[in-house]
């Protein structure tokens, strides 16, 4: 047994696995320690090592090995980013609602992302995370990592123009998906804004800015609770189509 070749092959597998996990919403958090992230990645790579065939022709060429490692990192980042986009769409919906409702004036530190966030954005992020785990979407992601070694063997990835076009179009769909998730609240707040504008024209003595903020907050909280039956199916369907999007991504890399 050539331990040098085995270590190099394990390094390539580990590079792809750790790149995927590093962009996931839970693992990308600063609250999760780096040793824990590395340990989970090492465990998954170890479990996959015996079932994955690796071309050992690079073993005597350190430059070729470095190129293969960069390719594996690119594949892992592409898979992780395709999943991260779904959560970004949920955050976009929460951010738009917060700006409309006035919650953007009151931000707090999110312990998971270690960034300033609003209440609605944080609630929607937690809702998306709970649905992601409840429907076992994390199992789909682990399965996608295994399938990626079959559909995109180590060292065989080729970057085409359609690969970049896919991410450009996927990034553009973030705002459309975010608006679809927050549509019930966004549309309702738009009508509230129109009603307040008409009221300010009819009764100029009323300070609409001061009187309207509590009203918009009340409408936002009420509509958020009433629209969960609409928002949840949209997020669930978004996660259900995750495996199809990842397979489509694989076809663009071979």
C-alpha atoms as a PDB file:
ATOM      1  CA  UNK A   1       0.000   0.000   0.000  1.00  0.00           C
ATOM      2  CA  UNK A   2       1.335   3.418  -1.011  1.00  0.00           C
ATOM      3  CA  UNK A   3       0.472   5.725   1.866  1.00  0.00           C
ATOM      4  CA  UNK A   4       1.625   8.818  -0.056  1.00  0.00           C
ATOM      5  CA  UNK A   5      -0.872   8.196  -2.859  1.00  0.00           C
ATOM      6  CA  UNK A   6      -3.633   7.430  -0.350  1.00  0.00           C
ATOM      7  CA  UNK A   7      -2.967  10.658   1.541  1.00  0.00           C
ATOM      8  CA  UNK A   8      -3.049  12.674  -1.669  1.00  0.00           C
ATOM      9  CA  UNK A   9      -6.310  11.024  -2.735  1.00  0.00           C
ATOM     10  CA  UNK A  10      -7.812  11.673   0.697  1.00  0.00           C
ATOM     11  CA  UNK A  11      -6.710  15.314   0.455  1.00  0.00           C
ATOM     12  CA  UNK A  12      -8.660  15.746  -2.781  1.00  0.00           C
ATOM     13  CA  UNK A  13     -11.807  14.181  -1.312  1.00  0.00           C
ATOM     14  CA  UNK A  14     -11.484  16.262   1.840  1.00  0.00           C
ATOM     15  CA  UNK A  15     -11.013  19.463  -0.197  1.00  0.00           C
ATOM     16  CA  UNK A  16     -14.350  18.993  -1.943  1.00  0.00           C
ATOM     17  CA  UNK A  17     -16.246  18.018   1.214  1.00  0.00           C
ATOM     18  CA  UNK A  18     -14.929  20.851   3.385  1.00  0.00           C
ATOM     19  CA  UNK A  19     -15.630  23.402   0.620  1.00  0.00           C
ATOM     20  CA  UNK A  20     -19.286  22.332   0.508  1.00  0.00           C
ATOM     21  CA  UNK A  21     -19.779  22.419   4.277  1.00  0.00           C
ATOM     22  CA  UNK A  22     -17.966  25.740   4.673  1.00  0.00           C
ATOM     23  CA  UNK A  23     -20.724  27.615   2.801  1.00  0.00           C
ATOM     24  CA  UNK A  24     -23.715  25.999   4.490  1.00  0.00           C
ATOM     25  CA  UNK A  25     -25.762  28.343   6.703  1.00  0.00           C
ATOM     26  CA  UNK A  26     -25.068  26.416   9.925  1.00  0.00           C
ATOM     27  CA  UNK A  27     -21.423  25.511   9.326  1.00  0.00           C
ATOM     28  CA  UNK A  28     -20.512  28.911   7.905  1.00  0.00           C
ATOM     29  CA  UNK A  29     -21.455  30.549  11.191  1.00  0.00           C
ATOM     30  CA  UNK A  30     -18.615  31.925  13.295  1.00  0.00           C
ATOM     31  CA  UNK A  31     -20.336  30.371  16.296  1.00  0.00           C
ATOM     32  CA  UNK A  32     -19.314  26.942  14.972  1.00  0.00           C
ATOM     33  CA  UNK A  33     -15.656  26.331  15.739  1.00  0.00           C
ATOM     34  CA  UNK A  34     -13.162  25.615  12.985  1.00  0.00           C
ATOM     35  CA  UNK A  35     -12.040  22.294  14.583  1.00  0.00           C
ATOM     36  CA  UNK A  36     -15.652  21.092  14.551  1.00  0.00           C
ATOM     37  CA  UNK A  37     -16.060  21.999  10.871  1.00  0.00           C
ATOM     38  CA  UNK A  38     -12.799  20.297  10.001  1.00  0.00           C
ATOM     39  CA  UNK A  39     -13.693  17.238  12.090  1.00  0.00           C
ATOM     40  CA  UNK A  40     -17.056  16.714  10.372  1.00  0.00           C
ATOM     41  CA  UNK A  41     -15.424  17.170   6.975  1.00  0.00           C
ATOM     42  CA  UNK A  42     -12.698  14.666   7.844  1.00  0.00           C
ATOM     43  CA  UNK A  43     -15.304  12.151   9.021  1.00  0.00           C
ATOM     44  CA  UNK A  44     -17.356  12.414   5.804  1.00  0.00           C
ATOM     45  CA  UNK A  45     -14.206  12.234   3.670  1.00  0.00           C
ATOM     46  CA  UNK A  46     -13.044   9.150   5.578  1.00  0.00           C
ATOM     47  CA  UNK A  47     -16.397   7.411   5.073  1.00  0.00           C
ATOM     48  CA  UNK A  48     -16.272   8.146   1.335  1.00  0.00           C
ATOM     49  CA  UNK A  49     -12.605   7.286   0.795  1.00  0.00           C
ATOM     50  CA  UNK A  50     -12.964   3.546   0.122  1.00  0.00           C
ATOM     51  CA  UNK A  51     -15.896   3.947  -2.268  1.00  0.00           C
ATOM     52  CA  UNK A  52     -14.330   6.593  -4.517  1.00  0.00           C
ATOM     53  CA  UNK A  53     -11.821   5.798  -7.194  1.00  0.00           C
ATOM     54  CA  UNK A  54      -9.092   8.393  -7.704  1.00  0.00           C
ATOM     55  CA  UNK A  55      -6.693   8.655 -10.614  1.00  0.00           C
ATOM     56  CA  UNK A  56      -3.191   8.518  -9.100  1.00  0.00           C
ATOM     57  CA  UNK A  57      -1.390   9.911 -12.166  1.00  0.00           C
ATOM     58  CA  UNK A  58      -0.766  13.206 -10.354  1.00  0.00           C
ATOM     59  CA  UNK A  59       1.115  11.615  -7.445  1.00  0.00           C
ATOM     60  CA  UNK A  60       4.589  12.608  -8.652  1.00  0.00           C
ATOM     61  CA  UNK A  61       3.683  16.118  -9.789  1.00  0.00           C
ATOM     62  CA  UNK A  62       3.043  18.616  -6.940  1.00  0.00           C
ATOM     63  CA  UNK A  63       1.866  21.304  -9.369  1.00  0.00           C
ATOM     64  CA  UNK A  64      -0.711  18.982 -10.894  1.00  0.00           C
ATOM     65  CA  UNK A  65      -1.809  17.970  -7.407  1.00  0.00           C
ATOM     66  CA  UNK A  66      -2.257  21.643  -6.471  1.00  0.00           C
ATOM     67  CA  UNK A  67      -4.352  22.174  -9.602  1.00  0.00           C
ATOM     68  CA  UNK A  68      -6.548  19.204  -8.698  1.00  0.00           C
ATOM     69  CA  UNK A  69      -7.017  20.559  -5.172  1.00  0.00           C
ATOM     70  CA  UNK A  70      -8.134  23.935  -6.559  1.00  0.00           C
ATOM     71  CA  UNK A  71     -10.580  22.168  -8.860  1.00  0.00           C
ATOM     72  CA  UNK A  72     -12.056  20.226  -5.949  1.00  0.00           C
ATOM     73  CA  UNK A  73     -12.397  23.415  -3.919  1.00  0.00           C
ATOM     74  CA  UNK A  74     -14.167  25.049  -6.866  1.00  0.00           C
ATOM     75  CA  UNK A  75     -16.616  22.142  -7.159  1.00  0.00           C
ATOM     76  CA  UNK A  76     -17.326  22.222  -3.422  1.00  0.00           C
ATOM     77  CA  UNK A  77     -17.843  25.977  -3.389  1.00  0.00           C
ATOM     78  CA  UNK A  78     -20.192  25.717  -6.380  1.00  0.00           C
ATOM     79  CA  UNK A  79     -22.333  23.093  -4.620  1.00  0.00           C
ATOM     80  CA  UNK A  80     -22.345  25.007  -1.340  1.00  0.00           C
ATOM     81  CA  UNK A  81     -23.169  28.298  -3.037  1.00  0.00           C
ATOM     82  CA  UNK A  82     -26.086  26.742  -4.946  1.00  0.00           C
ATOM     83  CA  UNK A  83     -27.603  25.846  -1.554  1.00  0.00           C
ATOM     84  CA  UNK A  84     -26.600  29.128   0.096  1.00  0.00           C
ATOM     85  CA  UNK A  85     -28.507  31.040  -2.595  1.00  0.00           C
ATOM     86  CA  UNK A  86     -31.779  29.592  -1.291  1.00  0.00           C
ATOM     87  CA  UNK A  87     -31.178  30.998   2.190  1.00  0.00           C
ATOM     88  CA  UNK A  88     -30.062  34.333   0.745  1.00  0.00           C
ATOM     89  CA  UNK A  89     -33.445  34.577  -1.013  1.00  0.00           C
ATOM     90  CA  UNK A  90     -35.193  34.125   2.351  1.00  0.00           C
ATOM     91  CA  UNK A  91     -32.980  36.822   3.892  1.00  0.00           C
ATOM     92  CA  UNK A  92     -33.777  39.169   1.001  1.00  0.00           C
ATOM     93  CA  UNK A  93     -37.498  38.718   1.677  1.00  0.00           C
ATOM     94  CA  UNK A  94     -36.990  39.546   5.342  1.00  0.00           C
ATOM     95  CA  UNK A  95     -34.855  42.584   4.512  1.00  0.00           C
ATOM     96  CA  UNK A  96     -37.458  44.031   2.108  1.00  0.00           C
ATOM     97  CA  UNK A  97     -40.217  43.564   4.678  1.00  0.00           C
ATOM     98  CA  UNK A  98     -38.078  45.134   7.405  1.00  0.00           C
ATOM     99  CA  UNK A  99     -37.416  48.225   5.280  1.00  0.00           C
ATOM    100  CA  UNK A 100     -41.119  48.624   4.542  1.00  0.00           C
ATOM    101  CA  UNK A 101     -42.243  48.057   8.134  1.00  0.00           C
ATOM    102  CA  UNK A 102     -39.571  50.194   9.772  1.00  0.00           C
ATOM    103  CA  UNK A 103     -37.763  47.330  11.491  1.00  0.00           C
ATOM    104  CA  UNK A 104     -34.560  48.279   9.680  1.00  0.00           C
ATOM    105  CA  UNK A 105     -34.071  51.077  12.240  1.00  0.00           C
ATOM    106  CA  UNK A 106     -33.714  48.517  15.044  1.00  0.00           C
ATOM    107  CA  UNK A 107     -31.012  45.945  14.311  1.00  0.00           C
ATOM    108  CA  UNK A 108     -29.290  43.490  16.615  1.00  0.00           C
ATOM    109  CA  UNK A 109     -26.345  41.145  16.429  1.00  0.00           C
ATOM    110  CA  UNK A 110     -27.209  37.727  15.011  1.00  0.00           C
ATOM    111  CA  UNK A 111     -25.103  35.187  16.966  1.00  0.00           C
ATOM    112  CA  UNK A 112     -25.113  32.739  14.037  1.00  0.00           C
ATOM    113  CA  UNK A 113     -23.959  35.008  11.236  1.00  0.00           C
ATOM    114  CA  UNK A 114     -22.305  37.583  13.531  1.00  0.00           C
ATOM    115  CA  UNK A 115     -23.852  40.389  11.483  1.00  0.00           C
ATOM    116  CA  UNK A 116     -26.412  43.106  12.146  1.00  0.00           C
ATOM    117  CA  UNK A 117     -29.886  41.840  11.266  1.00  0.00           C
ATOM    118  CA  UNK A 118     -33.532  42.721  11.779  1.00  0.00           C
ATOM    119  CA  UNK A 119     -36.219  40.817  13.668  1.00  0.00           C
ATOM    120  CA  UNK A 120     -38.183  39.761  10.572  1.00  0.00           C
ATOM    121  CA  UNK A 121     -35.053  38.741   8.693  1.00  0.00           C
ATOM    122  CA  UNK A 122     -33.914  36.668  11.661  1.00  0.00           C
ATOM    123  CA  UNK A 123     -37.336  35.016  12.033  1.00  0.00           C
ATOM    124  CA  UNK A 124     -37.435  34.086   8.363  1.00  0.00           C
ATOM    125  CA  UNK A 125     -33.888  32.716   8.525  1.00  0.00           C
ATOM    126  CA  UNK A 126     -34.765  30.549  11.524  1.00  0.00           C
ATOM    127  CA  UNK A 127     -37.953  29.392   9.776  1.00  0.00           C
ATOM    128  CA  UNK A 128     -35.980  28.418   6.672  1.00  0.00           C
ATOM    129  CA  UNK A 129     -33.379  26.599   8.776  1.00  0.00           C
ATOM    130  CA  UNK A 130     -36.042  24.639  10.709  1.00  0.00           C
ATOM    131  CA  UNK A 131     -37.784  23.633   7.465  1.00  0.00           C
ATOM    132  CA  UNK A 132     -34.427  22.675   5.923  1.00  0.00           C
ATOM    133  CA  UNK A 133     -33.717  20.290   8.798  1.00  0.00           C
ATOM    134  CA  UNK A 134     -37.319  19.096   9.246  1.00  0.00           C
ATOM    135  CA  UNK A 135     -37.621  17.904   5.646  1.00  0.00           C
ATOM    136  CA  UNK A 136     -34.184  16.210   5.819  1.00  0.00           C
ATOM    137  CA  UNK A 137     -32.738  18.495   3.158  1.00  0.00           C
ATOM    138  CA  UNK A 138     -29.352  18.090   4.835  1.00  0.00           C
ATOM    139  CA  UNK A 139     -29.520  14.401   3.898  1.00  0.00           C
ATOM    140  CA  UNK A 140     -30.125  15.455   0.295  1.00  0.00           C
ATOM    141  CA  UNK A 141     -26.996  17.570   0.499  1.00  0.00           C
ATOM    142  CA  UNK A 142     -24.883  14.703   1.850  1.00  0.00           C
ATOM    143  CA  UNK A 143     -26.251  12.496  -0.943  1.00  0.00           C
ATOM    144  CA  UNK A 144     -25.356  15.222  -3.446  1.00  0.00           C
ATOM    145  CA  UNK A 145     -21.761  15.186  -2.179  1.00  0.00           C
ATOM    146  CA  UNK A 146     -21.595  11.419  -2.749  1.00  0.00           C
ATOM    147  CA  UNK A 147     -23.191  11.688  -6.210  1.00  0.00           C
ATOM    148  CA  UNK A 148     -20.809  14.514  -7.137  1.00  0.00           C
ATOM    149  CA  UNK A 149     -17.852  12.113  -7.017  1.00  0.00           C
ATOM    150  CA  UNK A 150     -19.701   9.850  -9.464  1.00  0.00           C
ATOM    151  CA  UNK A 151     -20.951  12.505 -11.874  1.00  0.00           C
ATOM    152  CA  UNK A 152     -17.916  14.774 -11.583  1.00  0.00           C
ATOM    153  CA  UNK A 153     -14.929  12.490 -10.929  1.00  0.00           C
ATOM    154  CA  UNK A 154     -11.873  13.955  -9.258  1.00  0.00           C
ATOM    155  CA  UNK A 155      -9.754  15.898 -11.729  1.00  0.00           C
ATOM    156  CA  UNK A 156     -12.279  15.746 -14.569  1.00  0.00           C
ATOM    157  CA  UNK A 157     -14.044  19.083 -14.087  1.00  0.00           C
ATOM    158  CA  UNK A 158     -14.042  21.482 -17.030  1.00  0.00           C
ATOM    159  CA  UNK A 159     -15.158  25.080 -16.608  1.00  0.00           C
ATOM    160  CA  UNK A 160     -17.447  26.170 -19.432  1.00  0.00           C
ATOM    161  CA  UNK A 161     -19.210  29.425 -20.166  1.00  0.00           C
ATOM    162  CA  UNK A 162     -22.567  27.860 -19.296  1.00  0.00           C
ATOM    163  CA  UNK A 163     -21.220  27.212 -15.777  1.00  0.00           C
ATOM    164  CA  UNK A 164     -20.842  30.933 -15.112  1.00  0.00           C
ATOM    165  CA  UNK A 165     -24.111  31.727 -16.876  1.00  0.00           C
ATOM    166  CA  UNK A 166     -25.887  29.360 -14.492  1.00  0.00           C
ATOM    167  CA  UNK A 167     -24.659  31.247 -11.427  1.00  0.00           C
ATOM    168  CA  UNK A 168     -25.483  34.615 -13.005  1.00  0.00           C
ATOM    169  CA  UNK A 169     -29.066  33.483 -13.672  1.00  0.00           C
ATOM    170  CA  UNK A 170     -29.312  31.792 -10.245  1.00  0.00           C
ATOM    171  CA  UNK A 171     -28.155  34.974  -8.536  1.00  0.00           C
ATOM    172  CA  UNK A 172     -30.714  36.949 -10.511  1.00  0.00           C
ATOM    173  CA  UNK A 173     -33.463  34.647  -9.295  1.00  0.00           C
ATOM    174  CA  UNK A 174     -32.667  35.530  -5.681  1.00  0.00           C
ATOM    175  CA  UNK A 175     -34.797  38.680  -5.787  1.00  0.00           C
ATOM    176  CA  UNK A 176     -37.659  36.968  -7.621  1.00  0.00           C
ATOM    177  CA  UNK A 177     -37.705  34.119  -5.100  1.00  0.00           C
ATOM    178  CA  UNK A 178     -37.374  36.524  -2.189  1.00  0.00           C
ATOM    179  CA  UNK A 179     -40.319  38.571  -3.428  1.00  0.00           C
ATOM    180  CA  UNK A 180     -42.363  35.380  -3.839  1.00  0.00           C
ATOM    181  CA  UNK A 181     -41.615  34.362  -0.254  1.00  0.00           C
ATOM    182  CA  UNK A 182     -42.500  37.746   1.207  1.00  0.00           C
ATOM    183  CA  UNK A 183     -45.256  38.665  -1.278  1.00  0.00           C
ATOM    184  CA  UNK A 184     -48.209  38.528   1.182  1.00  0.00           C
ATOM    185  CA  UNK A 185     -46.557  40.975   3.585  1.00  0.00           C
ATOM    186  CA  UNK A 186     -44.869  43.111   0.914  1.00  0.00           C
ATOM    187  CA  UNK A 187     -48.109  43.682  -1.024  1.00  0.00           C
ATOM    188  CA  UNK A 188     -50.085  44.364   2.153  1.00  0.00           C
ATOM    189  CA  UNK A 189     -47.558  46.943   3.346  1.00  0.00           C
ATOM    190  CA  UNK A 190     -47.647  48.567  -0.071  1.00  0.00           C
ATOM    191  CA  UNK A 191     -51.413  49.099   0.277  1.00  0.00           C
ATOM    192  CA  UNK A 192     -50.853  50.421   3.804  1.00  0.00           C
ATOM    193  CA  UNK A 193     -48.363  52.943   2.414  1.00  0.00           C
ATOM    194  CA  UNK A 194     -50.874  54.046  -0.214  1.00  0.00           C
ATOM    195  CA  UNK A 195     -53.607  54.387   2.423  1.00  0.00           C
ATOM    196  CA  UNK A 196     -51.333  56.433   4.690  1.00  0.00           C
ATOM    197  CA  UNK A 197     -50.361  58.658   1.784  1.00  0.00           C
ATOM    198  CA  UNK A 198     -54.004  59.328   0.955  1.00  0.00           C
ATOM    199  CA  UNK A 199     -54.705  60.001   4.640  1.00  0.00           C
ATOM    200  CA  UNK A 200     -51.881  62.528   4.833  1.00  0.00           C
ATOM    201  CA  UNK A 201     -53.347  64.382   1.858  1.00  0.00           C
ATOM    202  CA  UNK A 202     -56.808  64.459   3.409  1.00  0.00           C
ATOM    203  CA  UNK A 203     -55.656  65.343   6.952  1.00  0.00           C
ATOM    204  CA  UNK A 204     -52.317  67.180   6.709  1.00  0.00           C
ATOM    205  CA  UNK A 205     -52.269  67.789  10.488  1.00  0.00           C
ATOM    206  CA  UNK A 206     -51.512  64.104  11.140  1.00  0.00           C
ATOM    207  CA  UNK A 207     -47.828  63.186  11.400  1.00  0.00           C
ATOM    208  CA  UNK A 208     -47.936  60.103   9.165  1.00  0.00           C
ATOM    209  CA  UNK A 209     -44.336  59.120   9.882  1.00  0.00           C
ATOM    210  CA  UNK A 210     -44.884  58.880  13.636  1.00  0.00           C
ATOM    211  CA  UNK A 211     -48.409  57.465  13.492  1.00  0.00           C
ATOM    212  CA  UNK A 212     -47.732  55.121  10.586  1.00  0.00           C
ATOM    213  CA  UNK A 213     -44.763  53.199  12.011  1.00  0.00           C
ATOM    214  CA  UNK A 214     -46.723  51.455  14.825  1.00  0.00           C
ATOM    215  CA  UNK A 215     -49.502  50.689  12.352  1.00  0.00           C
ATOM    216  CA  UNK A 216     -47.094  49.118   9.856  1.00  0.00           C
ATOM    217  CA  UNK A 217     -45.451  47.068  12.592  1.00  0.00           C
ATOM    218  CA  UNK A 218     -48.855  45.776  13.720  1.00  0.00           C
ATOM    219  CA  UNK A 219     -49.821  44.918  10.144  1.00  0.00           C
ATOM    220  CA  UNK A 220     -46.468  43.189   9.563  1.00  0.00           C
ATOM    221  CA  UNK A 221     -46.697  40.990  12.658  1.00  0.00           C
ATOM    222  CA  UNK A 222     -50.333  40.130  11.930  1.00  0.00           C
ATOM    223  CA  UNK A 223     -49.713  39.294   8.275  1.00  0.00           C
ATOM    224  CA  UNK A 224     -46.609  37.304   9.140  1.00  0.00           C
ATOM    225  CA  UNK A 225     -48.638  35.010  11.401  1.00  0.00           C
ATOM    226  CA  UNK A 226     -51.528  34.756   8.929  1.00  0.00           C
ATOM    227  CA  UNK A 227     -49.336  34.127   5.879  1.00  0.00           C
ATOM    228  CA  UNK A 228     -47.284  31.245   7.297  1.00  0.00           C
ATOM    229  CA  UNK A 229     -49.589  28.840   5.476  1.00  0.00           C
ATOM    230  CA  UNK A 230     -48.461  30.460   2.213  1.00  0.00           C
ATOM    231  CA  UNK A 231     -44.814  31.145   3.030  1.00  0.00           C
ATOM    232  CA  UNK A 232     -43.959  27.670   4.361  1.00  0.00           C
ATOM    233  CA  UNK A 233     -45.036  25.746   1.194  1.00  0.00           C
ATOM    234  CA  UNK A 234     -43.013  28.144  -0.976  1.00  0.00           C
ATOM    235  CA  UNK A 235     -39.860  27.562   1.089  1.00  0.00           C
ATOM    236  CA  UNK A 236     -40.477  23.787   1.199  1.00  0.00           C
ATOM    237  CA  UNK A 237     -40.898  23.620  -2.597  1.00  0.00           C
ATOM    238  CA  UNK A 238     -37.720  25.642  -2.961  1.00  0.00           C
ATOM    239  CA  UNK A 239     -35.770  23.092  -0.906  1.00  0.00           C
ATOM    240  CA  UNK A 240     -37.429  20.163  -2.700  1.00  0.00           C
ATOM    241  CA  UNK A 241     -36.012  21.396  -5.992  1.00  0.00           C
ATOM    242  CA  UNK A 242     -32.529  21.641  -4.515  1.00  0.00           C
ATOM    243  CA  UNK A 243     -31.418  18.192  -5.709  1.00  0.00           C
ATOM    244  CA  UNK A 244     -32.497  18.943  -9.283  1.00  0.00           C
ATOM    245  CA  UNK A 245     -30.529  22.192  -9.300  1.00  0.00           C
ATOM    246  CA  UNK A 246     -27.426  20.453  -7.971  1.00  0.00           C
ATOM    247  CA  UNK A 247     -27.672  17.721 -10.641  1.00  0.00           C
ATOM    248  CA  UNK A 248     -28.046  20.419 -13.264  1.00  0.00           C
ATOM    249  CA  UNK A 249     -24.899  22.027 -11.887  1.00  0.00           C
ATOM    250  CA  UNK A 250     -23.027  18.721 -12.202  1.00  0.00           C
ATOM    251  CA  UNK A 251     -23.917  18.494 -15.895  1.00  0.00           C
ATOM    252  CA  UNK A 252     -22.346  21.904 -16.470  1.00  0.00           C
ATOM    253  CA  UNK A 253     -19.002  20.775 -15.045  1.00  0.00           C
ATOM    254  CA  UNK A 254     -18.366  17.713 -17.232  1.00  0.00           C
END
